[in-house]
C-alpha atoms as a PDB file:
ATOM      1  CA  UNK A   1      -0.005  -0.008  -0.031  1.00  0.00           C
ATOM      2  CA  UNK A   2       1.116   3.520  -0.622  1.00  0.00           C
ATOM      3  CA  UNK A   3       1.489   6.095   2.103  1.00  0.00           C
ATOM      4  CA  UNK A   4      -1.784   7.939   3.028  1.00  0.00           C
ATOM      5  CA  UNK A   5      -0.410  11.012   4.562  1.00  0.00           C
ATOM      6  CA  UNK A   6      -1.632  14.424   3.242  1.00  0.00           C
ATOM      7  CA  UNK A   7       0.242  15.554   0.183  1.00  0.00           C
ATOM      8  CA  UNK A   8       3.132  17.926   1.085  1.00  0.00           C
ATOM      9  CA  UNK A   9       4.251  20.794  -1.081  1.00  0.00           C
ATOM     10  CA  UNK A  10       6.324  20.157  -4.223  1.00  0.00           C
ATOM     11  CA  UNK A  11       9.466  22.219  -4.725  1.00  0.00           C
ATOM     12  CA  UNK A  12      12.532  22.626  -6.907  1.00  0.00           C
ATOM     13  CA  UNK A  13      15.618  23.816  -5.083  1.00  0.00           C
ATOM     14  CA  UNK A  14      18.449  25.436  -7.066  1.00  0.00           C
ATOM     15  CA  UNK A  15      21.981  24.609  -5.842  1.00  0.00           C
ATOM     16  CA  UNK A  16      23.611  25.192  -9.134  1.00  0.00           C
ATOM     17  CA  UNK A  17      22.982  28.777 -10.266  1.00  0.00           C
ATOM     18  CA  UNK A  18      23.284  29.740 -13.962  1.00  0.00           C
ATOM     19  CA  UNK A  19      26.418  31.852 -13.145  1.00  0.00           C
ATOM     20  CA  UNK A  20      28.072  28.893 -11.609  1.00  0.00           C
ATOM     21  CA  UNK A  21      27.121  26.732 -14.554  1.00  0.00           C
ATOM     22  CA  UNK A  22      28.679  29.274 -16.864  1.00  0.00           C
ATOM     23  CA  UNK A  23      31.932  29.228 -14.918  1.00  0.00           C
ATOM     24  CA  UNK A  24      32.054  25.479 -14.960  1.00  0.00           C
ATOM     25  CA  UNK A  25      31.533  25.357 -18.669  1.00  0.00           C
ATOM     26  CA  UNK A  26      34.224  28.008 -19.354  1.00  0.00           C
ATOM     27  CA  UNK A  27      36.695  26.151 -17.138  1.00  0.00           C
ATOM     28  CA  UNK A  28      35.918  22.768 -18.728  1.00  0.00           C
ATOM     29  CA  UNK A  29      36.096  24.088 -22.224  1.00  0.00           C
ATOM     30  CA  UNK A  30      39.431  25.887 -21.665  1.00  0.00           C
ATOM     31  CA  UNK A  31      41.003  22.941 -19.869  1.00  0.00           C
ATOM     32  CA  UNK A  32      39.892  20.354 -22.414  1.00  0.00           C
ATOM     33  CA  UNK A  33      40.548  22.293 -25.601  1.00  0.00           C
ATOM     34  CA  UNK A  34      44.079  23.361 -24.537  1.00  0.00           C
ATOM     35  CA  UNK A  35      45.032  19.877 -23.471  1.00  0.00           C
ATOM     36  CA  UNK A  36      46.936  17.341 -25.572  1.00  0.00           C
ATOM     37  CA  UNK A  37      45.060  15.384 -26.677  1.00  0.00           C
ATOM     38  CA  UNK A  38      41.944  17.562 -26.573  1.00  0.00           C
ATOM     39  CA  UNK A  39      38.772  16.515 -24.747  1.00  0.00           C
ATOM     40  CA  UNK A  40      35.358  17.827 -23.730  1.00  0.00           C
ATOM     41  CA  UNK A  41      33.135  16.425 -20.915  1.00  0.00           C
ATOM     42  CA  UNK A  42      30.038  14.467 -22.141  1.00  0.00           C
ATOM     43  CA  UNK A  43      27.606  16.443 -20.018  1.00  0.00           C
ATOM     44  CA  UNK A  44      27.701  19.252 -22.614  1.00  0.00           C
ATOM     45  CA  UNK A  45      25.935  17.067 -25.151  1.00  0.00           C
ATOM     46  CA  UNK A  46      22.710  17.753 -23.254  1.00  0.00           C
ATOM     47  CA  UNK A  47      21.128  21.088 -24.183  1.00  0.00           C
ATOM     48  CA  UNK A  48      17.525  20.959 -25.370  1.00  0.00           C
ATOM     49  CA  UNK A  49      18.526  19.642 -28.859  1.00  0.00           C
ATOM     50  CA  UNK A  50      20.991  17.187 -27.416  1.00  0.00           C
ATOM     51  CA  UNK A  51      18.403  15.825 -25.001  1.00  0.00           C
ATOM     52  CA  UNK A  52      15.964  15.245 -27.990  1.00  0.00           C
ATOM     53  CA  UNK A  53      18.682  13.426 -29.893  1.00  0.00           C
ATOM     54  CA  UNK A  54      19.491  11.205 -26.976  1.00  0.00           C
ATOM     55  CA  UNK A  55      15.884  10.215 -26.536  1.00  0.00           C
ATOM     56  CA  UNK A  56      15.985   9.302 -30.189  1.00  0.00           C
ATOM     57  CA  UNK A  57      19.159   7.228 -29.650  1.00  0.00           C
ATOM     58  CA  UNK A  58      17.450   5.207 -26.893  1.00  0.00           C
ATOM     59  CA  UNK A  59      14.886   4.053 -29.447  1.00  0.00           C
ATOM     60  CA  UNK A  60      17.444   2.922 -31.976  1.00  0.00           C
ATOM     61  CA  UNK A  61      17.741  -0.827 -32.721  1.00  0.00           C
ATOM     62  CA  UNK A  62      21.505  -0.757 -31.989  1.00  0.00           C
ATOM     63  CA  UNK A  63      21.294   1.047 -28.616  1.00  0.00           C
ATOM     64  CA  UNK A  64      20.366  -1.701 -26.142  1.00  0.00           C
ATOM     65  CA  UNK A  65      21.296  -0.150 -22.730  1.00  0.00           C
ATOM     66  CA  UNK A  66      18.107   1.824 -22.063  1.00  0.00           C
ATOM     67  CA  UNK A  67      15.871  -1.135 -23.048  1.00  0.00           C
ATOM     68  CA  UNK A  68      17.945  -3.601 -21.071  1.00  0.00           C
ATOM     69  CA  UNK A  69      17.901  -1.368 -17.938  1.00  0.00           C
ATOM     70  CA  UNK A  70      14.112  -0.824 -18.262  1.00  0.00           C
ATOM     71  CA  UNK A  71      13.445  -4.503 -18.647  1.00  0.00           C
ATOM     72  CA  UNK A  72      15.665  -5.399 -15.741  1.00  0.00           C
ATOM     73  CA  UNK A  73      14.099  -2.834 -13.454  1.00  0.00           C
ATOM     74  CA  UNK A  74      10.629  -4.058 -14.452  1.00  0.00           C
ATOM     75  CA  UNK A  75      11.674  -7.524 -13.188  1.00  0.00           C
ATOM     76  CA  UNK A  76      13.591  -6.753 -10.075  1.00  0.00           C
ATOM     77  CA  UNK A  77      12.417  -3.333  -8.774  1.00  0.00           C
ATOM     78  CA  UNK A  78      10.433  -5.055  -5.962  1.00  0.00           C
ATOM     79  CA  UNK A  79      13.561  -7.040  -4.912  1.00  0.00           C
ATOM     80  CA  UNK A  80      15.562  -3.737  -4.859  1.00  0.00           C
ATOM     81  CA  UNK A  81      12.894  -1.968  -2.893  1.00  0.00           C
ATOM     82  CA  UNK A  82      12.878  -4.786  -0.316  1.00  0.00           C
ATOM     83  CA  UNK A  83      16.649  -4.862   0.027  1.00  0.00           C
ATOM     84  CA  UNK A  84      16.964  -1.094   0.337  1.00  0.00           C
ATOM     85  CA  UNK A  85      13.976  -0.489   2.644  1.00  0.00           C
ATOM     86  CA  UNK A  86      14.388   3.164   1.932  1.00  0.00           C
ATOM     87  CA  UNK A  87      12.234   6.092   2.980  1.00  0.00           C
ATOM     88  CA  UNK A  88      13.735   8.475   0.474  1.00  0.00           C
ATOM     89  CA  UNK A  89      14.801   7.966  -3.129  1.00  0.00           C
ATOM     90  CA  UNK A  90      17.475  10.350  -4.369  1.00  0.00           C
ATOM     91  CA  UNK A  91      18.121   9.995  -8.141  1.00  0.00           C
ATOM     92  CA  UNK A  92      21.215  11.606  -9.629  1.00  0.00           C
ATOM     93  CA  UNK A  93      20.783  12.707 -13.176  1.00  0.00           C
ATOM     94  CA  UNK A  94      17.006  12.086 -13.153  1.00  0.00           C
ATOM     95  CA  UNK A  95      16.114  13.797 -16.479  1.00  0.00           C
ATOM     96  CA  UNK A  96      12.436  12.930 -17.244  1.00  0.00           C
ATOM     97  CA  UNK A  97      12.362  10.350 -14.449  1.00  0.00           C
ATOM     98  CA  UNK A  98      10.341   8.027 -16.720  1.00  0.00           C
ATOM     99  CA  UNK A  99      12.156   4.772 -16.062  1.00  0.00           C
ATOM    100  CA  UNK A 100      12.324   5.706 -12.342  1.00  0.00           C
ATOM    101  CA  UNK A 101       8.626   5.129 -12.072  1.00  0.00           C
ATOM    102  CA  UNK A 102       9.239   1.408 -12.024  1.00  0.00           C
ATOM    103  CA  UNK A 103      11.357   1.920  -8.901  1.00  0.00           C
ATOM    104  CA  UNK A 104       9.045   4.505  -7.446  1.00  0.00           C
ATOM    105  CA  UNK A 105       6.091   2.091  -7.894  1.00  0.00           C
ATOM    106  CA  UNK A 106       7.958  -0.747  -6.143  1.00  0.00           C
ATOM    107  CA  UNK A 107       9.181   1.436  -3.289  1.00  0.00           C
ATOM    108  CA  UNK A 108       5.795   2.972  -2.606  1.00  0.00           C
ATOM    109  CA  UNK A 109       4.108  -0.380  -2.791  1.00  0.00           C
ATOM    110  CA  UNK A 110       6.620  -1.649  -0.228  1.00  0.00           C
ATOM    111  CA  UNK A 111       5.194   1.011   2.123  1.00  0.00           C
ATOM    112  CA  UNK A 112       8.288   2.913   3.399  1.00  0.00           C
ATOM    113  CA  UNK A 113       8.850   5.600   0.754  1.00  0.00           C
ATOM    114  CA  UNK A 114       7.871   9.186   1.737  1.00  0.00           C
ATOM    115  CA  UNK A 115      10.053  11.307  -0.471  1.00  0.00           C
ATOM    116  CA  UNK A 116      11.605  11.401  -4.024  1.00  0.00           C
ATOM    117  CA  UNK A 117      14.473  13.776  -4.771  1.00  0.00           C
ATOM    118  CA  UNK A 118      15.267  14.052  -8.492  1.00  0.00           C
ATOM    119  CA  UNK A 119      18.562  15.773  -9.103  1.00  0.00           C
ATOM    120  CA  UNK A 120      19.529  17.139 -12.486  1.00  0.00           C
ATOM    121  CA  UNK A 121      21.572  20.052 -13.918  1.00  0.00           C
ATOM    122  CA  UNK A 122      18.561  21.167 -16.023  1.00  0.00           C
ATOM    123  CA  UNK A 123      15.962  23.404 -14.256  1.00  0.00           C
ATOM    124  CA  UNK A 124      13.719  23.043 -17.285  1.00  0.00           C
ATOM    125  CA  UNK A 125      13.848  19.220 -17.088  1.00  0.00           C
ATOM    126  CA  UNK A 126      12.875  19.291 -13.459  1.00  0.00           C
ATOM    127  CA  UNK A 127      10.104  21.824 -13.850  1.00  0.00           C
ATOM    128  CA  UNK A 128       8.638  19.662 -16.559  1.00  0.00           C
ATOM    129  CA  UNK A 129       9.071  16.378 -14.637  1.00  0.00           C
ATOM    130  CA  UNK A 130       7.993  17.237 -11.113  1.00  0.00           C
ATOM    131  CA  UNK A 131       4.383  18.275 -11.823  1.00  0.00           C
ATOM    132  CA  UNK A 132       3.892  15.151 -13.928  1.00  0.00           C
ATOM    133  CA  UNK A 133       5.221  13.021 -11.141  1.00  0.00           C
ATOM    134  CA  UNK A 134       2.867  14.656  -8.738  1.00  0.00           C
ATOM    135  CA  UNK A 135       0.012  13.414 -10.833  1.00  0.00           C
ATOM    136  CA  UNK A 136       1.239   9.867 -10.505  1.00  0.00           C
ATOM    137  CA  UNK A 137       2.362  10.128  -6.837  1.00  0.00           C
ATOM    138  CA  UNK A 138       0.153  12.800  -5.207  1.00  0.00           C
ATOM    139  CA  UNK A 139       0.884  11.526  -1.667  1.00  0.00           C
ATOM    140  CA  UNK A 140       4.655  11.522  -2.137  1.00  0.00           C
ATOM    141  CA  UNK A 141       6.897  14.441  -1.122  1.00  0.00           C
ATOM    142  CA  UNK A 142       8.800  15.431  -4.378  1.00  0.00           C
ATOM    143  CA  UNK A 143      11.605  17.932  -4.118  1.00  0.00           C
ATOM    144  CA  UNK A 144      13.621  18.465  -7.370  1.00  0.00           C
ATOM    145  CA  UNK A 145      17.151  19.773  -6.972  1.00  0.00           C
ATOM    146  CA  UNK A 146      19.145  21.587  -9.672  1.00  0.00           C
ATOM    147  CA  UNK A 147      22.726  20.551  -8.859  1.00  0.00           C
ATOM    148  CA  UNK A 148      25.942  19.259 -10.342  1.00  0.00           C
ATOM    149  CA  UNK A 149      26.376  16.022  -8.400  1.00  0.00           C
ATOM    150  CA  UNK A 150      30.157  16.240  -8.716  1.00  0.00           C
ATOM    151  CA  UNK A 151      29.949  19.348  -6.550  1.00  0.00           C
ATOM    152  CA  UNK A 152      26.722  19.207  -4.370  1.00  0.00           C
ATOM    153  CA  UNK A 153      26.440  15.660  -3.043  1.00  0.00           C
ATOM    154  CA  UNK A 154      26.855  16.805   0.555  1.00  0.00           C
ATOM    155  CA  UNK A 155      24.003  19.326   0.111  1.00  0.00           C
ATOM    156  CA  UNK A 156      21.251  17.003  -1.245  1.00  0.00           C
ATOM    157  CA  UNK A 157      18.045  16.891   0.940  1.00  0.00           C
ATOM    158  CA  UNK A 158      16.452  13.794   2.336  1.00  0.00           C
ATOM    159  CA  UNK A 159      15.610  12.766   5.872  1.00  0.00           C
ATOM    160  CA  UNK A 160      15.546   9.093   6.806  1.00  0.00           C
ATOM    161  CA  UNK A 161      16.889   6.087   5.112  1.00  0.00           C
ATOM    162  CA  UNK A 162      17.959   6.992   1.577  1.00  0.00           C
ATOM    163  CA  UNK A 163      18.479   4.974  -1.516  1.00  0.00           C
ATOM    164  CA  UNK A 164      20.718   7.048  -3.903  1.00  0.00           C
ATOM    165  CA  UNK A 165      20.339   5.895  -7.522  1.00  0.00           C
ATOM    166  CA  UNK A 166      22.640   6.553 -10.461  1.00  0.00           C
ATOM    167  CA  UNK A 167      21.067   4.816 -13.419  1.00  0.00           C
ATOM    168  CA  UNK A 168      21.767   4.775 -17.162  1.00  0.00           C
ATOM    169  CA  UNK A 169      25.391   3.553 -16.690  1.00  0.00           C
ATOM    170  CA  UNK A 170      26.289   7.194 -16.003  1.00  0.00           C
ATOM    171  CA  UNK A 171      29.121   5.969 -13.704  1.00  0.00           C
ATOM    172  CA  UNK A 172      30.797   4.666 -16.847  1.00  0.00           C
ATOM    173  CA  UNK A 173      31.447   8.290 -18.081  1.00  0.00           C
ATOM    174  CA  UNK A 174      34.120   8.649 -15.338  1.00  0.00           C
ATOM    175  CA  UNK A 175      37.631   7.524 -16.018  1.00  0.00           C
ATOM    176  CA  UNK A 176      39.002   5.284 -13.216  1.00  0.00           C
ATOM    177  CA  UNK A 177      40.644   7.916 -11.004  1.00  0.00           C
ATOM    178  CA  UNK A 178      37.737  10.432 -11.162  1.00  0.00           C
ATOM    179  CA  UNK A 179      35.359   7.521 -10.805  1.00  0.00           C
ATOM    180  CA  UNK A 180      37.074   6.530  -7.483  1.00  0.00           C
ATOM    181  CA  UNK A 181      36.891  10.193  -6.350  1.00  0.00           C
ATOM    182  CA  UNK A 182      33.283  10.430  -7.223  1.00  0.00           C
ATOM    183  CA  UNK A 183      32.371   7.143  -5.462  1.00  0.00           C
ATOM    184  CA  UNK A 184      34.436   8.181  -2.475  1.00  0.00           C
ATOM    185  CA  UNK A 185      32.651  11.458  -2.228  1.00  0.00           C
ATOM    186  CA  UNK A 186      29.267   9.745  -2.592  1.00  0.00           C
ATOM    187  CA  UNK A 187      30.172   7.109   0.055  1.00  0.00           C
ATOM    188  CA  UNK A 188      31.043   9.936   2.519  1.00  0.00           C
ATOM    189  CA  UNK A 189      27.526  11.365   2.217  1.00  0.00           C
ATOM    190  CA  UNK A 190      25.780   8.013   2.995  1.00  0.00           C
ATOM    191  CA  UNK A 191      24.539   7.401   6.577  1.00  0.00           C
ATOM    192  CA  UNK A 192      24.008   4.088   8.266  1.00  0.00           C
ATOM    193  CA  UNK A 193      21.119   2.429   6.551  1.00  0.00           C
ATOM    194  CA  UNK A 194      21.542   4.330   3.263  1.00  0.00           C
ATOM    195  CA  UNK A 195      22.092   2.389   0.014  1.00  0.00           C
ATOM    196  CA  UNK A 196      23.415   3.160  -3.427  1.00  0.00           C
ATOM    197  CA  UNK A 197      21.924   1.693  -6.632  1.00  0.00           C
ATOM    198  CA  UNK A 198      24.075   1.753  -9.835  1.00  0.00           C
ATOM    199  CA  UNK A 199      22.984   0.896 -13.339  1.00  0.00           C
ATOM    200  CA  UNK A 200      25.990  -0.676 -15.118  1.00  0.00           C
ATOM    201  CA  UNK A 201      26.496  -1.668 -18.776  1.00  0.00           C
ATOM    202  CA  UNK A 202      28.540  -4.861 -18.833  1.00  0.00           C
ATOM    203  CA  UNK A 203      31.478  -5.960 -20.939  1.00  0.00           C
ATOM    204  CA  UNK A 204      30.351  -7.754 -24.076  1.00  0.00           C
ATOM    205  CA  UNK A 205      31.083  -8.333 -27.734  1.00  0.00           C
ATOM    206  CA  UNK A 206      33.024  -5.352 -29.153  1.00  0.00           C
ATOM    207  CA  UNK A 207      30.980  -5.275 -32.353  1.00  0.00           C
ATOM    208  CA  UNK A 208      27.684  -4.768 -30.418  1.00  0.00           C
ATOM    209  CA  UNK A 209      29.284  -2.086 -28.234  1.00  0.00           C
ATOM    210  CA  UNK A 210      30.643  -0.069 -31.210  1.00  0.00           C
ATOM    211  CA  UNK A 211      27.271  -0.323 -33.099  1.00  0.00           C
ATOM    212  CA  UNK A 212      25.514   1.081 -30.068  1.00  0.00           C
ATOM    213  CA  UNK A 213      27.566   4.202 -30.389  1.00  0.00           C
ATOM    214  CA  UNK A 214      27.788   4.402 -34.207  1.00  0.00           C
ATOM    215  CA  UNK A 215      24.301   3.632 -35.387  1.00  0.00           C
ATOM    216  CA  UNK A 216      23.479   3.252 -39.139  1.00  0.00           C
ATOM    217  CA  UNK A 217      21.046   6.238 -38.976  1.00  0.00           C
ATOM    218  CA  UNK A 218      23.864   8.544 -37.747  1.00  0.00           C
ATOM    219  CA  UNK A 219      21.819   9.885 -34.886  1.00  0.00           C
ATOM    220  CA  UNK A 220      24.719   9.304 -32.500  1.00  0.00           C
ATOM    221  CA  UNK A 221      26.986  11.280 -34.880  1.00  0.00           C
ATOM    222  CA  UNK A 222      24.592  14.244 -34.642  1.00  0.00           C
ATOM    223  CA  UNK A 223      24.525  13.856 -30.911  1.00  0.00           C
ATOM    224  CA  UNK A 224      28.261  13.849 -30.736  1.00  0.00           C
ATOM    225  CA  UNK A 225      28.597  16.987 -32.888  1.00  0.00           C
ATOM    226  CA  UNK A 226      26.013  18.756 -30.777  1.00  0.00           C
ATOM    227  CA  UNK A 227      28.691  19.461 -28.146  1.00  0.00           C
ATOM    228  CA  UNK A 228      30.248  21.861 -30.655  1.00  0.00           C
ATOM    229  CA  UNK A 229      26.839  23.516 -31.271  1.00  0.00           C
ATOM    230  CA  UNK A 230      26.634  24.031 -27.454  1.00  0.00           C
ATOM    231  CA  UNK A 231      30.045  25.705 -27.450  1.00  0.00           C
ATOM    232  CA  UNK A 232      29.077  27.908 -30.420  1.00  0.00           C
ATOM    233  CA  UNK A 233      25.869  28.995 -28.735  1.00  0.00           C
ATOM    234  CA  UNK A 234      27.161  29.412 -25.174  1.00  0.00           C
ATOM    235  CA  UNK A 235      30.699  30.749 -25.787  1.00  0.00           C
ATOM    236  CA  UNK A 236      30.439  32.246 -29.251  1.00  0.00           C
ATOM    237  CA  UNK A 237      32.803  29.673 -30.783  1.00  0.00           C
ATOM    238  CA  UNK A 238      32.944  29.239 -34.537  1.00  0.00           C
ATOM    239  CA  UNK A 239      33.227  25.472 -34.841  1.00  0.00           C
ATOM    240  CA  UNK A 240      31.797  23.931 -38.031  1.00  0.00           C
ATOM    241  CA  UNK A 241      30.359  20.752 -36.593  1.00  0.00           C
ATOM    242  CA  UNK A 242      30.031  19.138 -39.989  1.00  0.00           C
ATOM    243  CA  UNK A 243      33.771  19.574 -40.542  1.00  0.00           C
ATOM    244  CA  UNK A 244      34.257  16.797 -37.942  1.00  0.00           C
ATOM    245  CA  UNK A 245      33.745  13.055 -38.371  1.00  0.00           C
ATOM    246  CA  UNK A 246      32.111  11.010 -35.616  1.00  0.00           C
ATOM    247  CA  UNK A 247      34.401   8.197 -34.275  1.00  0.00           C
ATOM    248  CA  UNK A 248      33.470   5.422 -31.891  1.00  0.00           C
ATOM    249  CA  UNK A 249      35.868   2.732 -30.970  1.00  0.00           C
ATOM    250  CA  UNK A 250      36.406   0.043 -28.294  1.00  0.00           C
ATOM    251  CA  UNK A 251      39.413   0.268 -26.084  1.00  0.00           C
ATOM    252  CA  UNK A 252      39.895  -3.333 -25.028  1.00  0.00           C
ATOM    253  CA  UNK A 253      42.635  -2.536 -22.591  1.00  0.00           C
ATOM    254  CA  UNK A 254      40.516  -0.148 -20.570  1.00  0.00           C
ATOM    255  CA  UNK A 255      37.260  -1.847 -21.440  1.00  0.00           C
ATOM    256  CA  UNK A 256      35.569   1.369 -22.574  1.00  0.00           C
ATOM    257  CA  UNK A 257      33.941   2.906 -25.627  1.00  0.00           C
ATOM    258  CA  UNK A 258      35.446   6.243 -26.631  1.00  0.00           C
ATOM    259  CA  UNK A 259      33.589   8.819 -28.765  1.00  0.00           C
ATOM    260  CA  UNK A 260      35.665  11.306 -30.576  1.00  0.00           C
ATOM    261  CA  UNK A 261      35.302  14.112 -33.130  1.00  0.00           C
ATOM    262  CA  UNK A 262      37.946  14.024 -35.762  1.00  0.00           C
ATOM    263  CA  UNK A 263      38.856  17.152 -37.828  1.00  0.00           C
ATOM    264  CA  UNK A 264      38.475  16.521 -41.480  1.00  0.00           C
ATOM    265  CA  UNK A 265      41.025  19.282 -42.368  1.00  0.00           C
ATOM    266  CA  UNK A 266      43.269  21.747 -40.651  1.00  0.00           C
ATOM    267  CA  UNK A 267      41.307  24.518 -38.932  1.00  0.00           C
ATOM    268  CA  UNK A 268      41.430  27.479 -36.636  1.00  0.00           C
ATOM    269  CA  UNK A 269      38.643  27.988 -34.145  1.00  0.00           C
ATOM    270  CA  UNK A 270      38.128  31.082 -32.066  1.00  0.00           C
ATOM    271  CA  UNK A 271      36.151  31.083 -28.829  1.00  0.00           C
ATOM    272  CA  UNK A 272      35.532  34.683 -27.866  1.00  0.00           C
ATOM    273  CA  UNK A 273      34.121  34.096 -24.425  1.00  0.00           C
ATOM    274  CA  UNK A 274      37.431  32.609 -23.434  1.00  0.00           C
ATOM    275  CA  UNK A 275      39.576  34.889 -25.498  1.00  0.00           C
ATOM    276  CA  UNK A 276      40.969  31.668 -26.983  1.00  0.00           C
ATOM    277  CA  UNK A 277      42.046  30.568 -30.430  1.00  0.00           C
ATOM    278  CA  UNK A 278      42.836  26.823 -31.066  1.00  0.00           C
ATOM    279  CA  UNK A 279      44.417  25.029 -34.008  1.00  0.00           C
ATOM    280  CA  UNK A 280      43.472  21.614 -35.089  1.00  0.00           C
ATOM    281  CA  UNK A 281      45.392  19.527 -37.599  1.00  0.00           C
ATOM    282  CA  UNK A 282      43.727  17.329 -40.203  1.00  0.00           C
ATOM    283  CA  UNK A 283      42.835  14.054 -38.385  1.00  0.00           C
ATOM    284  CA  UNK A 284      43.198  15.546 -34.967  1.00  0.00           C
ATOM    285  CA  UNK A 285      40.618  14.348 -32.463  1.00  0.00           C
ATOM    286  CA  UNK A 286      38.621  15.712 -29.530  1.00  0.00           C
ATOM    287  CA  UNK A 287      37.552  13.005 -27.078  1.00  0.00           C
ATOM    288  CA  UNK A 288      33.929  13.795 -26.105  1.00  0.00           C
ATOM    289  CA  UNK A 289      33.065  10.738 -24.075  1.00  0.00           C
ATOM    290  CA  UNK A 290      34.235   7.493 -22.535  1.00  0.00           C
ATOM    291  CA  UNK A 291      31.660   4.913 -21.553  1.00  0.00           C
ATOM    292  CA  UNK A 292      33.268   2.263 -19.371  1.00  0.00           C
ATOM    293  CA  UNK A 293      31.758  -1.226 -19.326  1.00  0.00           C
ATOM    294  CA  UNK A 294      31.845  -3.192 -16.139  1.00  0.00           C
ATOM    295  CA  UNK A 295      32.422  -6.633 -14.682  1.00  0.00           C
ATOM    296  CA  UNK A 296      31.088  -7.590 -11.239  1.00  0.00           C
ATOM    297  CA  UNK A 297      34.410  -8.212  -9.620  1.00  0.00           C
ATOM    298  CA  UNK A 298      35.774  -4.784 -10.819  1.00  0.00           C
ATOM    299  CA  UNK A 299      32.948  -2.751  -9.444  1.00  0.00           C
ATOM    300  CA  UNK A 300      33.000  -4.736  -6.183  1.00  0.00           C
ATOM    301  CA  UNK A 301      36.604  -3.778  -5.758  1.00  0.00           C
ATOM    302  CA  UNK A 302      35.973  -0.100  -6.553  1.00  0.00           C
ATOM    303  CA  UNK A 303      33.089   0.073  -4.082  1.00  0.00           C
ATOM    304  CA  UNK A 304      35.149  -1.714  -1.359  1.00  0.00           C
ATOM    305  CA  UNK A 305      37.971   0.824  -1.864  1.00  0.00           C
ATOM    306  CA  UNK A 306      35.642   3.586  -0.733  1.00  0.00           C
ATOM    307  CA  UNK A 307      34.026   1.722   2.115  1.00  0.00           C
ATOM    308  CA  UNK A 308      30.977   0.341   0.345  1.00  0.00           C
ATOM    309  CA  UNK A 309      29.973  -3.288   0.193  1.00  0.00           C
ATOM    310  CA  UNK A 310      28.314  -4.808  -2.821  1.00  0.00           C
ATOM    311  CA  UNK A 311      25.092  -6.260  -1.346  1.00  0.00           C
ATOM    312  CA  UNK A 312      22.865  -7.000  -4.311  1.00  0.00           C
ATOM    313  CA  UNK A 313      23.512  -7.817  -7.940  1.00  0.00           C
ATOM    314  CA  UNK A 314      20.822  -8.330 -10.589  1.00  0.00           C
ATOM    315  CA  UNK A 315      21.630  -8.904 -14.355  1.00  0.00           C
ATOM    316  CA  UNK A 316      19.608  -9.896 -17.347  1.00  0.00           C
ATOM    317  CA  UNK A 317      19.824 -13.409 -18.889  1.00  0.00           C
ATOM    318  CA  UNK A 318      21.933 -12.024 -21.779  1.00  0.00           C
ATOM    319  CA  UNK A 319      24.494 -10.519 -19.446  1.00  0.00           C
ATOM    320  CA  UNK A 320      24.096  -7.129 -21.139  1.00  0.00           C
ATOM    321  CA  UNK A 321      23.333  -4.989 -18.090  1.00  0.00           C
ATOM    322  CA  UNK A 322      23.326  -5.115 -14.288  1.00  0.00           C
ATOM    323  CA  UNK A 323      21.861  -3.226 -11.289  1.00  0.00           C
ATOM    324  CA  UNK A 324      24.196  -3.202  -8.250  1.00  0.00           C
ATOM    325  CA  UNK A 325      23.140  -2.325  -4.697  1.00  0.00           C
ATOM    326  CA  UNK A 326      25.817  -1.219  -2.261  1.00  0.00           C
ATOM    327  CA  UNK A 327      25.765  -0.308   1.435  1.00  0.00           C
ATOM    328  CA  UNK A 328      28.181   1.324   3.783  1.00  0.00           C
END
């Protein structure tokens, strides 16, 4: 049964102000584009146009992770809810919160859940999602939080036993050292009784992995180039996105997919907001994303290194995807 308490007020708190977002973007763009080799963080794919492209990607026949995670959650959400026994669900990178409804349903049916805290960098996404969620869960306290979860973990609300969820294999976007730092920071915010749920894409056939990031319809290519549109719009840069080829490759040593943008010819790019001019040689690449794939033993070691114990593990029959539950 769901809670029967009177509906509390819905709210969206802003921990990440637009000025701070701008400063972070400027810092990241300067750091990445003056490095050798050049790189950009994948979070800048996701302006409004990029979010639409990613939703299209999730429906592509080659892109299995979203379908695999949804199907897995559909089957095991009740088991996760029972194991976590949480009163508060905090979701990092919540977006539209659509797939989270499977977890919310299971947790409210289990009877303990009183609050949902969706956390996202996009105020617009939360303002759209929270009222819709209120229609489905009118008795649940819902407080959206605009935050960068690399910076604001310690300030996220939630009273009582919490389940902190990071779905969509977002953890795979961190290289090993930053991933350890992120997990350590997250572990430090967990209290006794709190749990962490991770969605993890698993190591599999390289051909399937590359196809998932280099689809026949070239939607992922457009998504990859969108990071340059973001820099043009936000920083006044003069990138020609179509002058870059989309590259997706499997790094078997590190067990991750890399997405890159490869310059088709020599070019000079100016970025007025940074008072910066960069040169790219023909064939020079900008790394825009890594997407690490996991094995159970590896994530167990990484969690243990920051004081977390892998307590639950659910994977699909194909071995494509897993949900991992950890506790302090």
